[in-house]
Amino acid sequence: MVQGPTTTGGKACPPRGPGLFLGVVTDLAEVFRLGTAKAEENLAFRRYLSAHHYADKPFQILASEVQRHVDCTACANCCRHSVVSVSRPEIDNIASYLGTTPEAVTRLYTVPDPDACTSRILLNSGEGCVFLDGNLCMIYEARPKTCRTFPHVAVGNHSLGGRPSSLARWAALCPIIYNALESYKHLTGYHRHPPLSTTSKPA
């Protein structure tokens, strides 16, 4: 059963209750298994939030709390699976950090964006970003905004709420998103109806 939201000023607010912050799952294999298994459920949940006009802020606050319990350097999936657009000022910043020229950074470390021919994205070998060393970023202090703001759920920032397919995909890869979604389902009282058995009969 899905519990309907209350509203404040036209925006839906999650119901309150005890034990709203769940234990955090940090094992990457388990996050992948559970996130993959719940992909359709997560899509339905985001559509439910949108249809009932839930504001993004409660989810963002919850994600920020989850983030405090997750060591991103033990994961680095965002560095392995993200497409990172880089602007000219960001290329200049990387070049300054590396002590080289913007032209060298563009030539050696970026490729044309296949979805925007005038833009560039960081080179990804298939095993991760060109600047990924193990689980650490070699240009951390000069990393682009896309990297600095991931997973894009900070309060006041653009959230993934408008991109449910992206959120569902990242739930299997990012412990922050997976755990925040699960806790937010609990917070909002969201529960999916189990599928009806084809052999069941009415009472």
N, C-alpha and C. Protein backbone atom coordinates (compact mmCIF):
# COMPACT_ATOMS: atom_id res chain seq x y z
N MET A 1 0.84 -1.20 0.00
CA MET A 1 0.00 0.00 0.00
C MET A 1 0.87 1.24 0.00
N VAL A 2 0.50 2.27 -0.81
CA VAL A 2 1.23 3.52 -0.85
C VAL A 2 0.48 4.55 -0.03
N GLN A 3 1.16 5.10 0.96
CA GLN A 3 0.54 6.10 1.82
C GLN A 3 0.57 7.44 1.12
N GLY A 4 -0.55 8.11 1.04
CA GLY A 4 -0.61 9.40 0.39
C GLY A 4 0.12 10.46 1.18
N PRO A 5 0.67 11.49 0.48
CA PRO A 5 1.43 12.52 1.15
C PRO A 5 0.55 13.60 1.75
N THR A 6 1.07 14.26 2.77
CA THR A 6 0.46 15.49 3.23
C THR A 6 1.10 16.62 2.45
N THR A 7 0.53 17.82 2.50
CA THR A 7 1.08 18.93 1.73
C THR A 7 1.29 20.14 2.61
N THR A 8 2.27 20.95 2.20
CA THR A 8 2.52 22.24 2.84
C THR A 8 2.80 23.23 1.73
N GLY A 9 1.94 24.24 1.60
CA GLY A 9 2.15 25.23 0.56
C GLY A 9 2.13 24.64 -0.83
N GLY A 10 1.33 23.58 -1.04
CA GLY A 10 1.22 22.98 -2.35
C GLY A 10 2.25 21.92 -2.63
N LYS A 11 3.25 21.78 -1.75
CA LYS A 11 4.28 20.76 -1.93
C LYS A 11 4.04 19.61 -0.96
N ALA A 12 4.21 18.41 -1.46
CA ALA A 12 4.01 17.24 -0.62
C ALA A 12 5.13 17.11 0.39
N CYS A 13 4.77 16.71 1.61
CA CYS A 13 5.74 16.49 2.67
C CYS A 13 5.64 15.05 3.14
N PRO A 14 6.77 14.37 3.35
CA PRO A 14 6.70 12.98 3.80
C PRO A 14 6.16 12.89 5.20
N PRO A 15 5.38 11.84 5.49
CA PRO A 15 4.90 11.64 6.85
C PRO A 15 6.06 11.37 7.79
N ARG A 16 5.90 11.72 9.04
CA ARG A 16 6.96 11.56 10.02
C ARG A 16 6.74 10.26 10.79
N GLY A 17 7.82 9.71 11.29
CA GLY A 17 7.70 8.49 12.05
C GLY A 17 9.04 8.08 12.60
N PRO A 18 9.08 7.12 13.53
CA PRO A 18 10.33 6.71 14.14
C PRO A 18 11.16 5.85 13.20
N GLY A 19 12.47 5.84 13.42
CA GLY A 19 13.36 4.94 12.70
C GLY A 19 13.40 5.18 11.21
N LEU A 20 13.43 6.47 10.81
CA LEU A 20 13.35 6.76 9.39
C LEU A 20 14.69 6.61 8.68
N PHE A 21 15.80 6.63 9.42
CA PHE A 21 17.10 6.45 8.80
C PHE A 21 17.52 5.01 8.96
N LEU A 22 17.63 4.29 7.84
CA LEU A 22 17.91 2.87 7.87
C LEU A 22 19.42 2.61 7.92
N GLY A 23 19.81 1.39 8.27
CA GLY A 23 21.21 1.02 8.24
C GLY A 23 21.76 1.14 6.83
N VAL A 24 23.01 1.59 6.72
CA VAL A 24 23.59 1.87 5.42
C VAL A 24 24.29 0.62 4.87
N VAL A 25 23.94 0.25 3.63
CA VAL A 25 24.59 -0.85 2.92
C VAL A 25 25.76 -0.26 2.15
N THR A 26 27.00 -0.70 2.45
CA THR A 26 28.17 -0.15 1.78
C THR A 26 28.90 -1.17 0.92
N ASP A 27 28.60 -2.47 1.07
CA ASP A 27 29.24 -3.49 0.25
C ASP A 27 28.81 -3.29 -1.21
N LEU A 28 29.77 -3.06 -2.10
CA LEU A 28 29.43 -2.70 -3.47
C LEU A 28 28.72 -3.81 -4.22
N ALA A 29 29.10 -5.06 -3.96
CA ALA A 29 28.43 -6.18 -4.62
C ALA A 29 26.97 -6.26 -4.19
N GLU A 30 26.73 -6.00 -2.90
CA GLU A 30 25.36 -6.04 -2.40
C GLU A 30 24.55 -4.86 -2.92
N VAL A 31 25.16 -3.68 -2.99
CA VAL A 31 24.48 -2.52 -3.56
C VAL A 31 24.10 -2.79 -5.01
N PHE A 32 25.03 -3.39 -5.76
CA PHE A 32 24.74 -3.70 -7.16
C PHE A 32 23.61 -4.71 -7.28
N ARG A 33 23.65 -5.76 -6.45
CA ARG A 33 22.62 -6.80 -6.51
C ARG A 33 21.25 -6.21 -6.17
N LEU A 34 21.19 -5.49 -5.08
CA LEU A 34 19.91 -4.94 -4.64
C LEU A 34 19.42 -3.83 -5.56
N GLY A 35 20.33 -2.96 -5.97
CA GLY A 35 19.94 -1.86 -6.86
C GLY A 35 19.44 -2.36 -8.20
N THR A 36 20.07 -3.41 -8.73
CA THR A 36 19.62 -4.00 -9.99
C THR A 36 18.25 -4.66 -9.82
N ALA A 37 18.07 -5.39 -8.72
CA ALA A 37 16.81 -6.08 -8.47
C ALA A 37 15.65 -5.10 -8.29
N LYS A 38 15.97 -3.90 -7.78
CA LYS A 38 14.92 -2.92 -7.49
C LYS A 38 14.82 -1.82 -8.54
N ALA A 39 15.39 -2.03 -9.71
CA ALA A 39 15.40 -0.99 -10.73
C ALA A 39 13.99 -0.54 -11.11
N GLU A 40 13.10 -1.47 -11.36
CA GLU A 40 11.73 -1.10 -11.74
C GLU A 40 11.01 -0.44 -10.58
N GLU A 41 11.23 -0.96 -9.37
CA GLU A 41 10.62 -0.35 -8.19
C GLU A 41 11.08 1.08 -8.01
N ASN A 42 12.37 1.33 -8.24
CA ASN A 42 12.90 2.68 -8.08
C ASN A 42 12.33 3.65 -9.11
N LEU A 43 12.15 3.17 -10.34
CA LEU A 43 11.50 4.00 -11.35
C LEU A 43 10.07 4.34 -10.94
N ALA A 44 9.34 3.35 -10.46
CA ALA A 44 7.96 3.57 -10.02
C ALA A 44 7.92 4.54 -8.84
N PHE A 45 8.89 4.42 -7.94
CA PHE A 45 8.94 5.29 -6.78
C PHE A 45 9.18 6.74 -7.18
N ARG A 46 10.11 6.98 -8.10
CA ARG A 46 10.36 8.35 -8.54
C ARG A 46 9.15 8.93 -9.27
N ARG A 47 8.45 8.09 -10.04
CA ARG A 47 7.24 8.58 -10.70
C ARG A 47 6.17 8.92 -9.67
N TYR A 48 6.10 8.09 -8.63
CA TYR A 48 5.15 8.35 -7.54
C TYR A 48 5.46 9.69 -6.87
N LEU A 49 6.73 9.95 -6.58
CA LEU A 49 7.11 11.21 -5.95
C LEU A 49 6.75 12.39 -6.84
N SER A 50 7.00 12.25 -8.13
CA SER A 50 6.69 13.32 -9.06
C SER A 50 5.18 13.54 -9.17
N ALA A 51 4.43 12.45 -9.26
CA ALA A 51 2.97 12.56 -9.42
C ALA A 51 2.32 13.19 -8.20
N HIS A 52 2.92 12.96 -7.01
CA HIS A 52 2.35 13.51 -5.79
C HIS A 52 3.06 14.79 -5.34
N HIS A 53 3.91 15.32 -6.21
CA HIS A 53 4.54 16.63 -6.00
C HIS A 53 5.37 16.70 -4.72
N TYR A 54 6.10 15.63 -4.45
CA TYR A 54 7.05 15.69 -3.35
C TYR A 54 8.18 16.64 -3.72
N ALA A 55 8.57 17.47 -2.79
CA ALA A 55 9.71 18.35 -3.00
C ALA A 55 11.01 17.54 -2.95
N ASP A 56 12.05 18.05 -3.61
CA ASP A 56 13.34 17.36 -3.62
C ASP A 56 14.08 17.49 -2.29
N LYS A 57 13.83 18.58 -1.56
CA LYS A 57 14.68 18.89 -0.41
C LYS A 57 14.73 17.79 0.64
N PRO A 58 13.61 17.15 1.03
CA PRO A 58 13.71 16.09 2.04
C PRO A 58 14.61 14.94 1.60
N PHE A 59 14.53 14.58 0.31
CA PHE A 59 15.41 13.53 -0.20
C PHE A 59 16.86 13.97 -0.19
N GLN A 60 17.10 15.23 -0.53
CA GLN A 60 18.46 15.76 -0.54
C GLN A 60 19.06 15.77 0.86
N ILE A 61 18.26 16.15 1.84
CA ILE A 61 18.74 16.15 3.23
C ILE A 61 19.09 14.73 3.66
N LEU A 62 18.24 13.79 3.31
CA LEU A 62 18.48 12.40 3.66
C LEU A 62 19.73 11.88 2.97
N ALA A 63 19.93 12.22 1.69
CA ALA A 63 21.11 11.79 0.96
C ALA A 63 22.38 12.37 1.59
N SER A 64 22.30 13.60 2.06
CA SER A 64 23.46 14.21 2.72
C SER A 64 23.82 13.46 4.00
N GLU A 65 22.81 13.00 4.73
CA GLU A 65 23.05 12.23 5.94
C GLU A 65 23.67 10.88 5.59
N VAL A 66 23.16 10.23 4.54
CA VAL A 66 23.72 8.95 4.11
C VAL A 66 25.18 9.14 3.70
N GLN A 67 25.47 10.23 3.01
CA GLN A 67 26.81 10.47 2.50
C GLN A 67 27.85 10.51 3.62
N ARG A 68 27.45 10.92 4.79
CA ARG A 68 28.37 10.97 5.93
C ARG A 68 28.83 9.58 6.34
N HIS A 69 28.09 8.54 5.95
CA HIS A 69 28.40 7.17 6.35
C HIS A 69 29.07 6.37 5.23
N VAL A 70 29.35 7.02 4.10
CA VAL A 70 29.90 6.32 2.94
C VAL A 70 31.29 6.88 2.62
N ASP A 71 32.26 5.98 2.48
CA ASP A 71 33.61 6.35 2.07
C ASP A 71 33.71 6.22 0.56
N CYS A 72 33.67 7.35 -0.14
CA CYS A 72 33.65 7.31 -1.60
C CYS A 72 34.95 6.74 -2.18
N THR A 73 36.06 6.85 -1.44
CA THR A 73 37.31 6.31 -1.96
C THR A 73 37.36 4.79 -1.92
N ALA A 74 36.37 4.17 -1.27
CA ALA A 74 36.27 2.71 -1.30
C ALA A 74 35.42 2.24 -2.47
N CYS A 75 34.91 3.18 -3.25
CA CYS A 75 33.99 2.84 -4.34
C CYS A 75 34.52 3.33 -5.68
N ALA A 76 34.42 4.63 -5.92
CA ALA A 76 34.87 5.28 -7.17
C ALA A 76 34.07 4.84 -8.39
N ASN A 77 32.87 4.29 -8.20
CA ASN A 77 32.06 3.91 -9.36
C ASN A 77 31.67 5.12 -10.21
N CYS A 78 31.53 6.28 -9.57
CA CYS A 78 31.20 7.48 -10.34
C CYS A 78 32.32 7.80 -11.33
N CYS A 79 33.57 7.52 -10.94
CA CYS A 79 34.72 7.77 -11.82
C CYS A 79 34.83 6.73 -12.93
N ARG A 80 34.21 5.60 -12.71
CA ARG A 80 34.27 4.52 -13.71
C ARG A 80 33.12 4.58 -14.72
N HIS A 81 31.99 5.12 -14.30
CA HIS A 81 30.80 5.01 -15.14
C HIS A 81 30.21 6.34 -15.59
N SER A 82 30.71 7.46 -15.09
CA SER A 82 30.14 8.76 -15.47
C SER A 82 30.71 9.25 -16.80
N VAL A 83 29.88 9.99 -17.52
CA VAL A 83 30.34 10.77 -18.67
C VAL A 83 30.52 12.20 -18.16
N VAL A 84 31.77 12.67 -18.19
CA VAL A 84 32.09 13.96 -17.56
C VAL A 84 32.38 15.01 -18.63
N SER A 85 31.46 15.93 -18.79
CA SER A 85 31.67 17.05 -19.70
C SER A 85 32.64 18.05 -19.06
N VAL A 86 33.50 18.63 -19.90
CA VAL A 86 34.45 19.62 -19.39
C VAL A 86 34.35 20.89 -20.23
N SER A 87 34.22 22.00 -19.55
CA SER A 87 34.18 23.29 -20.22
C SER A 87 35.61 23.79 -20.46
N ARG A 88 35.73 24.84 -21.25
CA ARG A 88 37.07 25.40 -21.50
C ARG A 88 37.71 25.90 -20.19
N PRO A 89 36.98 26.60 -19.32
CA PRO A 89 37.61 27.00 -18.05
C PRO A 89 38.06 25.81 -17.21
N GLU A 90 37.31 24.70 -17.27
CA GLU A 90 37.72 23.51 -16.51
C GLU A 90 38.97 22.87 -17.12
N ILE A 91 39.06 22.88 -18.45
CA ILE A 91 40.27 22.39 -19.10
C ILE A 91 41.46 23.26 -18.72
N ASP A 92 41.25 24.58 -18.70
CA ASP A 92 42.32 25.50 -18.28
C ASP A 92 42.76 25.21 -16.85
N ASN A 93 41.79 24.92 -15.99
CA ASN A 93 42.10 24.65 -14.59
C ASN A 93 42.91 23.35 -14.44
N ILE A 94 42.51 22.32 -15.19
CA ILE A 94 43.24 21.05 -15.17
C ILE A 94 44.66 21.25 -15.69
N ALA A 95 44.78 22.02 -16.76
CA ALA A 95 46.10 22.28 -17.34
C ALA A 95 47.01 23.00 -16.34
N SER A 96 46.46 23.99 -15.68
CA SER A 96 47.25 24.71 -14.67
C SER A 96 47.69 23.79 -13.55
N TYR A 97 46.79 22.89 -13.12
CA TYR A 97 47.11 21.96 -12.04
C TYR A 97 48.20 20.98 -12.46
N LEU A 98 48.16 20.54 -13.72
CA LEU A 98 49.13 19.58 -14.22
C LEU A 98 50.42 20.23 -14.72
N GLY A 99 50.41 21.55 -14.84
CA GLY A 99 51.58 22.25 -15.33
C GLY A 99 51.81 22.06 -16.81
N THR A 100 50.72 22.02 -17.57
CA THR A 100 50.81 21.85 -19.01
C THR A 100 49.89 22.85 -19.68
N THR A 101 49.67 22.70 -20.97
CA THR A 101 48.84 23.65 -21.71
C THR A 101 47.42 23.11 -21.88
N PRO A 102 46.44 24.01 -22.03
CA PRO A 102 45.07 23.55 -22.31
C PRO A 102 44.98 22.71 -23.57
N GLU A 103 45.80 23.03 -24.57
CA GLU A 103 45.78 22.27 -25.82
C GLU A 103 46.24 20.84 -25.57
N ALA A 104 47.23 20.66 -24.70
CA ALA A 104 47.71 19.31 -24.39
C ALA A 104 46.66 18.52 -23.62
N VAL A 105 46.00 19.17 -22.68
CA VAL A 105 44.93 18.50 -21.93
C VAL A 105 43.81 18.08 -22.87
N THR A 106 43.43 18.99 -23.76
CA THR A 106 42.36 18.68 -24.72
C THR A 106 42.73 17.50 -25.60
N ARG A 107 43.96 17.48 -26.08
CA ARG A 107 44.41 16.44 -26.99
C ARG A 107 44.59 15.09 -26.31
N LEU A 108 45.16 15.11 -25.12
CA LEU A 108 45.54 13.87 -24.45
C LEU A 108 44.46 13.27 -23.57
N TYR A 109 43.60 14.12 -23.00
CA TYR A 109 42.72 13.64 -21.94
C TYR A 109 41.22 13.83 -22.21
N THR A 110 40.87 14.36 -23.38
CA THR A 110 39.46 14.54 -23.70
C THR A 110 39.17 14.00 -25.09
N VAL A 111 37.87 13.78 -25.33
CA VAL A 111 37.39 13.37 -26.65
C VAL A 111 36.13 14.17 -26.95
N PRO A 112 35.73 14.27 -28.21
CA PRO A 112 34.47 14.98 -28.52
C PRO A 112 33.28 14.29 -27.87
N ASP A 113 32.35 15.09 -27.41
CA ASP A 113 31.11 14.56 -26.85
C ASP A 113 30.23 14.08 -28.00
N PRO A 114 29.90 12.78 -28.04
CA PRO A 114 29.08 12.28 -29.17
C PRO A 114 27.69 12.88 -29.22
N ASP A 115 27.23 13.44 -28.10
CA ASP A 115 25.89 14.03 -28.07
C ASP A 115 25.91 15.54 -28.26
N ALA A 116 27.12 16.13 -28.31
CA ALA A 116 27.23 17.58 -28.50
C ALA A 116 28.58 17.85 -29.15
N CYS A 117 28.59 17.99 -30.45
CA CYS A 117 29.84 17.98 -31.22
C CYS A 117 30.77 19.13 -30.85
N THR A 118 30.25 20.20 -30.25
CA THR A 118 31.11 21.33 -29.88
C THR A 118 31.66 21.20 -28.46
N SER A 119 31.30 20.14 -27.77
CA SER A 119 31.74 19.96 -26.39
C SER A 119 32.75 18.83 -26.28
N ARG A 120 33.44 18.78 -25.14
CA ARG A 120 34.43 17.74 -24.88
C ARG A 120 34.05 17.01 -23.60
N ILE A 121 34.42 15.72 -23.53
CA ILE A 121 34.25 14.92 -22.31
C ILE A 121 35.59 14.30 -21.95
N LEU A 122 35.77 13.99 -20.68
CA LEU A 122 37.00 13.34 -20.25
C LEU A 122 37.09 11.95 -20.85
N LEU A 123 38.28 11.59 -21.26
CA LEU A 123 38.53 10.27 -21.82
C LEU A 123 38.28 9.19 -20.77
N ASN A 124 37.57 8.13 -21.18
CA ASN A 124 37.31 7.00 -20.30
C ASN A 124 37.76 5.73 -21.02
N SER A 125 38.64 5.00 -20.37
CA SER A 125 39.25 3.83 -20.99
C SER A 125 38.32 2.62 -21.05
N GLY A 126 37.17 2.71 -20.42
CA GLY A 126 36.31 1.55 -20.26
C GLY A 126 36.47 0.96 -18.87
N GLU A 127 37.63 1.23 -18.26
CA GLU A 127 37.88 0.81 -16.88
C GLU A 127 37.76 1.99 -15.93
N GLY A 128 37.60 3.18 -16.49
CA GLY A 128 37.45 4.35 -15.64
C GLY A 128 37.99 5.60 -16.30
N CYS A 129 37.82 6.71 -15.63
CA CYS A 129 38.30 8.01 -16.10
C CYS A 129 39.80 7.96 -16.30
N VAL A 130 40.27 8.71 -17.27
CA VAL A 130 41.71 8.78 -17.55
C VAL A 130 42.51 9.26 -16.35
N PHE A 131 41.88 9.98 -15.44
CA PHE A 131 42.58 10.51 -14.27
C PHE A 131 42.37 9.66 -13.02
N LEU A 132 41.76 8.49 -13.18
CA LEU A 132 41.53 7.61 -12.03
C LEU A 132 42.75 6.73 -11.80
N ASP A 133 43.26 6.77 -10.57
CA ASP A 133 44.40 5.94 -10.17
C ASP A 133 43.95 5.07 -9.01
N GLY A 134 43.65 3.79 -9.30
CA GLY A 134 43.03 2.94 -8.27
C GLY A 134 41.63 3.45 -8.01
N ASN A 135 41.39 3.95 -6.81
CA ASN A 135 40.11 4.57 -6.48
C ASN A 135 40.25 6.07 -6.24
N LEU A 136 41.40 6.64 -6.58
CA LEU A 136 41.67 8.04 -6.28
C LEU A 136 41.81 8.86 -7.56
N CYS A 137 41.41 10.12 -7.46
CA CYS A 137 41.48 11.05 -8.58
C CYS A 137 42.83 11.77 -8.57
N MET A 138 43.53 11.73 -9.70
CA MET A 138 44.85 12.36 -9.79
C MET A 138 44.76 13.88 -9.93
N ILE A 139 43.56 14.40 -10.24
CA ILE A 139 43.39 15.86 -10.35
C ILE A 139 42.29 16.32 -9.38
N TYR A 140 42.22 15.70 -8.23
CA TYR A 140 41.10 15.92 -7.31
C TYR A 140 40.85 17.41 -7.06
N GLU A 141 41.91 18.17 -6.80
CA GLU A 141 41.74 19.60 -6.49
C GLU A 141 41.26 20.39 -7.70
N ALA A 142 41.44 19.84 -8.90
CA ALA A 142 41.05 20.55 -10.12
C ALA A 142 39.95 19.82 -10.88
N ARG A 143 39.28 18.88 -10.23
CA ARG A 143 38.27 18.08 -10.93
C ARG A 143 37.10 18.95 -11.39
N PRO A 144 36.46 18.56 -12.49
CA PRO A 144 35.34 19.35 -13.03
C PRO A 144 34.14 19.38 -12.09
N LYS A 145 33.23 20.31 -12.36
CA LYS A 145 32.05 20.47 -11.51
C LYS A 145 31.21 19.21 -11.47
N THR A 146 31.07 18.51 -12.60
CA THR A 146 30.29 17.27 -12.62
C THR A 146 30.79 16.29 -11.56
N CYS A 147 32.10 16.22 -11.40
CA CYS A 147 32.69 15.32 -10.41
C CYS A 147 32.51 15.86 -8.99
N ARG A 148 32.70 17.16 -8.83
CA ARG A 148 32.62 17.76 -7.49
C ARG A 148 31.22 17.67 -6.90
N THR A 149 30.19 17.71 -7.75
CA THR A 149 28.82 17.73 -7.25
C THR A 149 28.14 16.36 -7.24
N PHE A 150 28.82 15.33 -7.79
CA PHE A 150 28.21 14.00 -7.77
C PHE A 150 27.99 13.55 -6.32
N PRO A 151 26.85 12.92 -5.99
CA PRO A 151 25.79 12.40 -6.88
C PRO A 151 24.65 13.38 -7.15
N HIS A 152 24.94 14.67 -7.11
CA HIS A 152 23.98 15.71 -7.51
C HIS A 152 22.71 15.71 -6.66
N VAL A 153 22.86 15.44 -5.38
CA VAL A 153 21.70 15.44 -4.49
C VAL A 153 21.90 16.37 -3.31
N ALA A 154 22.89 17.27 -3.40
CA ALA A 154 23.09 18.23 -2.32
C ALA A 154 21.93 19.21 -2.28
N VAL A 155 21.56 19.66 -1.09
CA VAL A 155 20.45 20.60 -0.93
C VAL A 155 20.75 21.87 -1.73
N GLY A 156 19.81 22.26 -2.56
CA GLY A 156 19.96 23.47 -3.34
C GLY A 156 20.56 23.25 -4.72
N ASN A 157 21.14 22.07 -4.94
CA ASN A 157 21.72 21.76 -6.26
C ASN A 157 20.70 21.05 -7.12
N HIS A 158 20.98 20.99 -8.42
CA HIS A 158 20.13 20.22 -9.34
C HIS A 158 20.15 18.76 -8.89
N SER A 159 18.99 18.20 -8.72
CA SER A 159 18.92 16.82 -8.24
C SER A 159 18.61 15.88 -9.39
N LEU A 160 18.62 14.59 -9.08
CA LEU A 160 18.28 13.58 -10.06
C LEU A 160 16.78 13.33 -10.12
N GLY A 161 16.00 14.14 -9.37
CA GLY A 161 14.57 13.89 -9.30
C GLY A 161 13.88 13.96 -10.65
N GLY A 162 14.40 14.78 -11.57
CA GLY A 162 13.78 14.90 -12.87
C GLY A 162 14.26 13.86 -13.85
N ARG A 163 15.19 12.99 -13.43
CA ARG A 163 15.73 11.98 -14.33
C ARG A 163 15.62 10.61 -13.67
N PRO A 164 14.40 10.07 -13.59
CA PRO A 164 14.21 8.81 -12.85
C PRO A 164 15.01 7.65 -13.40
N SER A 165 15.22 7.59 -14.72
CA SER A 165 15.99 6.47 -15.26
C SER A 165 17.43 6.53 -14.82
N SER A 166 17.98 7.74 -14.74
CA SER A 166 19.36 7.92 -14.28
C SER A 166 19.47 7.55 -12.81
N LEU A 167 18.49 7.96 -12.02
CA LEU A 167 18.51 7.64 -10.59
C LEU A 167 18.45 6.14 -10.36
N ALA A 168 17.60 5.45 -11.12
CA ALA A 168 17.48 4.00 -10.98
C ALA A 168 18.78 3.32 -11.37
N ARG A 169 19.42 3.81 -12.42
CA ARG A 169 20.69 3.22 -12.84
C ARG A 169 21.75 3.39 -11.77
N TRP A 170 21.85 4.58 -11.20
CA TRP A 170 22.89 4.85 -10.22
C TRP A 170 22.63 4.17 -8.89
N ALA A 171 21.40 3.76 -8.63
CA ALA A 171 21.11 3.05 -7.38
C ALA A 171 21.87 1.74 -7.29
N ALA A 172 22.22 1.15 -8.42
CA ALA A 172 22.97 -0.10 -8.43
C ALA A 172 24.48 0.14 -8.38
N LEU A 173 24.89 1.40 -8.52
CA LEU A 173 26.31 1.71 -8.59
C LEU A 173 26.81 2.59 -7.45
N CYS A 174 25.92 3.42 -6.91
CA CYS A 174 26.32 4.39 -5.90
C CYS A 174 25.66 4.08 -4.56
N PRO A 175 26.45 3.76 -3.53
CA PRO A 175 25.86 3.46 -2.22
C PRO A 175 25.06 4.62 -1.65
N ILE A 176 25.45 5.86 -1.97
CA ILE A 176 24.71 7.01 -1.45
C ILE A 176 23.30 7.03 -2.01
N ILE A 177 23.18 6.88 -3.32
CA ILE A 177 21.86 6.93 -3.95
C ILE A 177 21.02 5.72 -3.55
N TYR A 178 21.62 4.54 -3.54
CA TYR A 178 20.85 3.35 -3.15
C TYR A 178 20.27 3.51 -1.75
N ASN A 179 21.11 3.86 -0.78
CA ASN A 179 20.65 3.96 0.61
C ASN A 179 19.69 5.13 0.82
N ALA A 180 19.92 6.22 0.13
CA ALA A 180 19.01 7.36 0.26
C ALA A 180 17.63 7.02 -0.28
N LEU A 181 17.58 6.32 -1.41
CA LEU A 181 16.29 5.90 -1.96
C LEU A 181 15.55 4.97 -1.01
N GLU A 182 16.26 3.98 -0.48
CA GLU A 182 15.61 3.03 0.42
C GLU A 182 15.09 3.71 1.67
N SER A 183 15.87 4.63 2.23
CA SER A 183 15.42 5.34 3.42
C SER A 183 14.27 6.28 3.11
N TYR A 184 14.29 6.85 1.89
CA TYR A 184 13.20 7.76 1.53
C TYR A 184 11.90 7.01 1.28
N LYS A 185 12.00 5.80 0.75
CA LYS A 185 10.79 4.97 0.64
C LYS A 185 10.18 4.75 2.03
N HIS A 186 11.05 4.47 2.98
CA HIS A 186 10.60 4.26 4.36
C HIS A 186 10.00 5.54 4.92
N LEU A 187 10.66 6.66 4.66
CA LEU A 187 10.20 7.95 5.18
C LEU A 187 8.83 8.32 4.64
N THR A 188 8.60 8.05 3.36
CA THR A 188 7.33 8.43 2.73
C THR A 188 6.24 7.40 2.92
N GLY A 189 6.59 6.23 3.47
CA GLY A 189 5.59 5.18 3.65
C GLY A 189 5.26 4.47 2.35
N TYR A 190 6.19 4.51 1.40
CA TYR A 190 5.94 3.91 0.09
C TYR A 190 6.16 2.40 0.14
N HIS A 191 5.18 1.66 -0.36
CA HIS A 191 5.29 0.21 -0.48
C HIS A 191 4.60 -0.20 -1.76
N ARG A 192 5.25 -1.03 -2.54
CA ARG A 192 4.63 -1.50 -3.78
C ARG A 192 3.69 -2.66 -3.48
N HIS A 193 2.61 -2.72 -4.24
CA HIS A 193 1.73 -3.88 -4.17
C HIS A 193 2.47 -5.09 -4.74
N PRO A 194 2.50 -6.24 -4.07
CA PRO A 194 3.10 -7.42 -4.68
C PRO A 194 2.26 -7.87 -5.86
N PRO A 195 2.89 -8.44 -6.89
CA PRO A 195 2.12 -8.89 -8.07
C PRO A 195 1.12 -9.97 -7.67
N LEU A 196 -0.05 -9.91 -8.26
CA LEU A 196 -1.09 -10.89 -7.95
C LEU A 196 -0.75 -12.24 -8.60
N SER A 197 -0.95 -13.30 -7.90
CA SER A 197 -0.71 -14.63 -8.45
C SER A 197 -1.79 -14.96 -9.46
N THR A 198 -1.37 -15.54 -10.58
CA THR A 198 -2.36 -15.90 -11.61
C THR A 198 -3.22 -17.05 -11.18
N THR A 199 -2.81 -17.76 -10.12
CA THR A 199 -3.58 -18.89 -9.66
C THR A 199 -4.43 -18.58 -8.44
N SER A 200 -4.28 -17.33 -7.94
CA SER A 200 -5.04 -16.97 -6.74
C SER A 200 -6.50 -16.78 -7.08
N LYS A 201 -7.35 -17.03 -6.12
CA LYS A 201 -8.79 -16.87 -6.31
C LYS A 201 -9.32 -15.91 -5.25
N PRO A 202 -10.34 -15.11 -5.61
CA PRO A 202 -10.91 -14.21 -4.62
C PRO A 202 -11.51 -14.95 -3.47
N ALA A 203 -11.43 -14.33 -2.30
CA ALA A 203 -12.00 -14.98 -1.08
C ALA A 203 -13.51 -15.01 -1.17
